[in-house]
Amino acid sequence: MYQIVIPVDSEQDRGTKAAQHVIDLVGEDGPIDDPDTVAVSILNVFKEFEARDEGIARSEDLYDEDEFPDSVLAVRDELTAAGIEPDLVRRHGDPAAEIIDYANDVPADAIVLAGRKRSAVGKAVFGSVTQDVILNADQAVTVV
């Protein structure tokens, strides 16, 4: 079984691009002709945070492992319509670290994700989940 992880955040367009790439791999013209030989996990990471104002708001107080954003459900529906039955997984923490940890736990053969357009300054100041995954994952990483 070939295991693929598709990290999906709240931006549906990026998740759709990654899903379409997987669908193309498993489709009639793709290199994988039997969808039963592929397992796909859609991973959503609820980013860890702590906010202070008059009180303290922590992400773990808001995190619900069973509450998926609409973007994840839309990607699931696209894959299902193409004959691929994905697993839905939700984690809490640093997105890049959680993606890599989950891919290792499964164990995954590949991670397929869509990058976000950012300037060099934006990447330096805010970091890049995609870049961290590319640099630190043991699996093959495809960026679409």
C-alpha atoms as a PDB file:
ATOM      1  CA  MET A   1       0.000   0.000   0.000  1.00  0.00           C
ATOM      2  CA  TYR A   2       1.347   3.418  -1.002  1.00  0.00           C
ATOM      3  CA  GLN A   3       0.506   5.983   1.708  1.00  0.00           C
ATOM      4  CA  ILE A   4       0.083   9.670   0.798  1.00  0.00           C
ATOM      5  CA  VAL A   5      -0.469  12.511   3.267  1.00  0.00           C
ATOM      6  CA  ILE A   6      -2.188  15.697   2.076  1.00  0.00           C
ATOM      7  CA  PRO A   7      -1.915  18.511   4.627  1.00  0.00           C
ATOM      8  CA  VAL A   8      -4.870  20.892   4.250  1.00  0.00           C
ATOM      9  CA  ASP A   9      -5.292  24.157   6.115  1.00  0.00           C
ATOM     10  CA  SER A  10      -8.227  26.540   5.892  1.00  0.00           C
ATOM     11  CA  GLU A  11      -7.425  27.579   2.295  1.00  0.00           C
ATOM     12  CA  GLN A  12      -9.466  25.275   0.100  1.00  0.00           C
ATOM     13  CA  ASP A  13      -7.744  26.249  -3.162  1.00  0.00           C
ATOM     14  CA  ARG A  14      -4.412  24.872  -1.966  1.00  0.00           C
ATOM     15  CA  GLY A  15      -5.991  21.680  -0.703  1.00  0.00           C
ATOM     16  CA  THR A  16      -7.796  21.267  -4.012  1.00  0.00           C
ATOM     17  CA  LYS A  17      -4.515  21.583  -5.938  1.00  0.00           C
ATOM     18  CA  ALA A  18      -2.900  18.886  -3.821  1.00  0.00           C
ATOM     19  CA  ALA A  19      -5.956  16.615  -4.136  1.00  0.00           C
ATOM     20  CA  GLN A  20      -6.026  17.069  -7.910  1.00  0.00           C
ATOM     21  CA  HIS A  21      -2.388  16.000  -8.111  1.00  0.00           C
ATOM     22  CA  VAL A  22      -3.183  12.805  -6.201  1.00  0.00           C
ATOM     23  CA  ILE A  23      -6.259  12.202  -8.380  1.00  0.00           C
ATOM     24  CA  ASP A  24      -4.054  12.588 -11.480  1.00  0.00           C
ATOM     25  CA  LEU A  25      -1.614  10.019 -10.083  1.00  0.00           C
ATOM     26  CA  VAL A  26      -4.372   7.482  -9.527  1.00  0.00           C
ATOM     27  CA  GLY A  27      -6.486   8.336 -12.569  1.00  0.00           C
ATOM     28  CA  GLU A  28      -6.800   6.487 -15.860  1.00  0.00           C
ATOM     29  CA  ASP A  29      -3.813   8.299 -17.346  1.00  0.00           C
ATOM     30  CA  GLY A  30      -1.775   8.294 -14.136  1.00  0.00           C
ATOM     31  CA  PRO A  31       1.050   5.972 -13.143  1.00  0.00           C
ATOM     32  CA  ILE A  32      -1.101   4.209 -10.517  1.00  0.00           C
ATOM     33  CA  ASP A  33      -3.925   2.324 -12.183  1.00  0.00           C
ATOM     34  CA  ASP A  34      -5.501   0.745  -9.091  1.00  0.00           C
ATOM     35  CA  PRO A  35      -6.846   3.163  -6.454  1.00  0.00           C
ATOM     36  CA  ASP A  36      -7.022   0.253  -3.989  1.00  0.00           C
ATOM     37  CA  THR A  37      -3.208   0.288  -3.800  1.00  0.00           C
ATOM     38  CA  VAL A  38      -3.158   3.865  -2.461  1.00  0.00           C
ATOM     39  CA  ALA A  39      -4.095   5.088   1.000  1.00  0.00           C
ATOM     40  CA  VAL A  40      -4.602   8.821   1.437  1.00  0.00           C
ATOM     41  CA  SER A  41      -4.782  10.784   4.673  1.00  0.00           C
ATOM     42  CA  ILE A  42      -5.968  14.372   4.757  1.00  0.00           C
ATOM     43  CA  LEU A  43      -4.237  16.045   7.683  1.00  0.00           C
ATOM     44  CA  ASN A  44      -5.425  19.288   9.242  1.00  0.00           C
ATOM     45  CA  VAL A  45      -3.324  20.901  11.953  1.00  0.00           C
ATOM     46  CA  PHE A  46      -4.939  23.345  14.370  1.00  0.00           C
ATOM     47  CA  LYS A  47      -2.079  25.754  14.966  1.00  0.00           C
ATOM     48  CA  GLU A  48      -0.989  26.145  18.546  1.00  0.00           C
ATOM     49  CA  PHE A  49      -1.281  29.653  19.986  1.00  0.00           C
ATOM     50  CA  GLU A  50      -1.664  31.614  23.169  1.00  0.00           C
ATOM     51  CA  ALA A  51      -3.256  35.073  23.262  1.00  0.00           C
ATOM     52  CA  ARG A  52      -3.219  37.437  26.204  1.00  0.00           C
ATOM     53  CA  ASP A  53      -5.516  40.373  26.747  1.00  0.00           C
ATOM     54  CA  GLU A  54      -7.692  40.559  29.818  1.00  0.00           C
ATOM     55  CA  GLY A  55      -7.302  36.817  30.159  1.00  0.00           C
ATOM     56  CA  ILE A  56      -5.465  34.027  28.416  1.00  0.00           C
ATOM     57  CA  ALA A  57      -6.826  32.189  25.400  1.00  0.00           C
ATOM     58  CA  ARG A  58      -5.029  28.982  24.513  1.00  0.00           C
ATOM     59  CA  SER A  59      -5.452  26.956  21.377  1.00  0.00           C
ATOM     60  CA  GLU A  60      -5.828  23.711  23.317  1.00  0.00           C
ATOM     61  CA  ASP A  61      -8.980  25.168  24.897  1.00  0.00           C
ATOM     62  CA  LEU A  62     -10.509  25.641  21.421  1.00  0.00           C
ATOM     63  CA  TYR A  63      -9.135  22.535  19.705  1.00  0.00           C
ATOM     64  CA  ASP A  64     -11.599  19.793  18.793  1.00  0.00           C
ATOM     65  CA  GLU A  65     -10.077  16.790  17.029  1.00  0.00           C
ATOM     66  CA  ASP A  66     -13.393  15.983  15.362  1.00  0.00           C
ATOM     67  CA  GLU A  67     -14.146  19.472  14.009  1.00  0.00           C
ATOM     68  CA  PHE A  68     -12.738  19.800  10.500  1.00  0.00           C
ATOM     69  CA  PRO A  69     -12.722  23.029   8.474  1.00  0.00           C
ATOM     70  CA  ASP A  70     -14.877  23.159   5.338  1.00  0.00           C
ATOM     71  CA  SER A  71     -11.686  23.090   3.242  1.00  0.00           C
ATOM     72  CA  VAL A  72     -10.844  19.601   4.540  1.00  0.00           C
ATOM     73  CA  LEU A  73     -14.355  18.319   3.876  1.00  0.00           C
ATOM     74  CA  ALA A  74     -14.272  19.728   0.324  1.00  0.00           C
ATOM     75  CA  VAL A  75     -10.955  17.988  -0.397  1.00  0.00           C
ATOM     76  CA  ARG A  76     -12.360  14.749   1.039  1.00  0.00           C
ATOM     77  CA  ASP A  77     -15.389  15.054  -1.249  1.00  0.00           C
ATOM     78  CA  GLU A  78     -13.184  15.609  -4.326  1.00  0.00           C
ATOM     79  CA  LEU A  79     -11.072  12.557  -3.573  1.00  0.00           C
ATOM     80  CA  THR A  80     -14.144  10.434  -2.822  1.00  0.00           C
ATOM     81  CA  ALA A  81     -15.754  11.459  -6.118  1.00  0.00           C
ATOM     82  CA  ALA A  82     -12.596  10.231  -7.861  1.00  0.00           C
ATOM     83  CA  GLY A  83     -12.828   6.827  -6.159  1.00  0.00           C
ATOM     84  CA  ILE A  84     -10.258   7.508  -3.425  1.00  0.00           C
ATOM     85  CA  GLU A  85     -11.501   7.069   0.157  1.00  0.00           C
ATOM     86  CA  PRO A  86      -9.271   9.242   2.381  1.00  0.00           C
ATOM     87  CA  ASP A  87      -8.857   9.192   6.137  1.00  0.00           C
ATOM     88  CA  LEU A  88      -9.382  12.487   7.959  1.00  0.00           C
ATOM     89  CA  VAL A  89      -6.910  13.351  10.700  1.00  0.00           C
ATOM     90  CA  ARG A  90      -6.725  16.427  12.895  1.00  0.00           C
ATOM     91  CA  ARG A  91      -3.824  17.376  15.119  1.00  0.00           C
ATOM     92  CA  HIS A  92      -2.875  20.305  17.320  1.00  0.00           C
ATOM     93  CA  GLY A  93       0.509  22.028  17.430  1.00  0.00           C
ATOM     94  CA  ASP A  94       3.146  23.434  15.113  1.00  0.00           C
ATOM     95  CA  PRO A  95       1.946  22.682  11.561  1.00  0.00           C
ATOM     96  CA  ALA A  96       5.288  21.631  10.036  1.00  0.00           C
ATOM     97  CA  ALA A  97       6.240  19.481  13.020  1.00  0.00           C
ATOM     98  CA  GLU A  98       2.817  17.817  13.126  1.00  0.00           C
ATOM     99  CA  ILE A  99       2.866  17.092   9.389  1.00  0.00           C
ATOM    100  CA  ILE A 100       6.284  15.469   9.655  1.00  0.00           C
ATOM    101  CA  ASP A 101       5.385  13.540  12.831  1.00  0.00           C
ATOM    102  CA  TYR A 102       2.164  12.224  11.309  1.00  0.00           C
ATOM    103  CA  ALA A 103       3.912  11.224   8.088  1.00  0.00           C
ATOM    104  CA  ASN A 104       6.430   9.275  10.176  1.00  0.00           C
ATOM    105  CA  ASP A 105       3.726   7.703  12.354  1.00  0.00           C
ATOM    106  CA  VAL A 106       1.627   6.376   9.449  1.00  0.00           C
ATOM    107  CA  PRO A 107       4.290   5.680   7.869  1.00  0.00           C
ATOM    108  CA  ALA A 108       3.773   7.697   4.697  1.00  0.00           C
ATOM    109  CA  ASP A 109       5.577   7.240   1.407  1.00  0.00           C
ATOM    110  CA  ALA A 110       4.850  10.777   0.213  1.00  0.00           C
ATOM    111  CA  ILE A 111       3.548  14.162   1.313  1.00  0.00           C
ATOM    112  CA  VAL A 112       1.677  16.245  -1.268  1.00  0.00           C
ATOM    113  CA  LEU A 113       1.038  19.883  -0.424  1.00  0.00           C
ATOM    114  CA  ALA A 114       0.422  23.170  -2.170  1.00  0.00           C
ATOM    115  CA  GLY A 115       2.728  26.036  -1.385  1.00  0.00           C
ATOM    116  CA  ARG A 116       1.657  29.552  -0.571  1.00  0.00           C
ATOM    117  CA  LYS A 117       2.965  32.501  -2.552  1.00  0.00           C
ATOM    118  CA  ARG A 118       5.119  34.619  -0.279  1.00  0.00           C
ATOM    119  CA  SER A 119       7.864  37.119  -0.774  1.00  0.00           C
ATOM    120  CA  ALA A 120      11.374  36.313   0.436  1.00  0.00           C
ATOM    121  CA  VAL A 121      10.869  38.783   3.282  1.00  0.00           C
ATOM    122  CA  GLY A 122       7.552  37.155   4.200  1.00  0.00           C
ATOM    123  CA  LYS A 123       9.220  33.753   4.366  1.00  0.00           C
ATOM    124  CA  ALA A 124      12.057  35.113   6.505  1.00  0.00           C
ATOM    125  CA  VAL A 125       9.762  36.934   8.921  1.00  0.00           C
ATOM    126  CA  PHE A 126       6.868  34.473   9.169  1.00  0.00           C
ATOM    127  CA  GLY A 127       8.567  31.204   8.219  1.00  0.00           C
ATOM    128  CA  SER A 128       7.223  28.666   5.786  1.00  0.00           C
ATOM    129  CA  VAL A 129       5.498  25.418   6.659  1.00  0.00           C
ATOM    130  CA  THR A 130       6.173  24.127   3.147  1.00  0.00           C
ATOM    131  CA  GLN A 131       9.868  24.922   3.418  1.00  0.00           C
ATOM    132  CA  ASP A 132      10.143  23.252   6.837  1.00  0.00           C
ATOM    133  CA  VAL A 133       8.416  20.119   5.535  1.00  0.00           C
ATOM    134  CA  ILE A 134      10.654  19.977   2.443  1.00  0.00           C
ATOM    135  CA  LEU A 135      13.808  20.357   4.517  1.00  0.00           C
ATOM    136  CA  ASN A 136      12.897  18.024   7.371  1.00  0.00           C
ATOM    137  CA  ALA A 137      10.654  15.239   6.061  1.00  0.00           C
ATOM    138  CA  ASP A 138      12.100  11.799   5.431  1.00  0.00           C
ATOM    139  CA  GLN A 139       9.408  11.150   2.813  1.00  0.00           C
ATOM    140  CA  ALA A 140       9.214  12.354  -0.746  1.00  0.00           C
ATOM    141  CA  VAL A 141       7.543  15.795  -0.761  1.00  0.00           C
ATOM    142  CA  THR A 142       5.659  17.061  -3.784  1.00  0.00           C
ATOM    143  CA  VAL A 143       4.780  20.740  -3.867  1.00  0.00           C
ATOM    144  CA  VAL A 144       2.067  21.716  -6.339  1.00  0.00           C
END
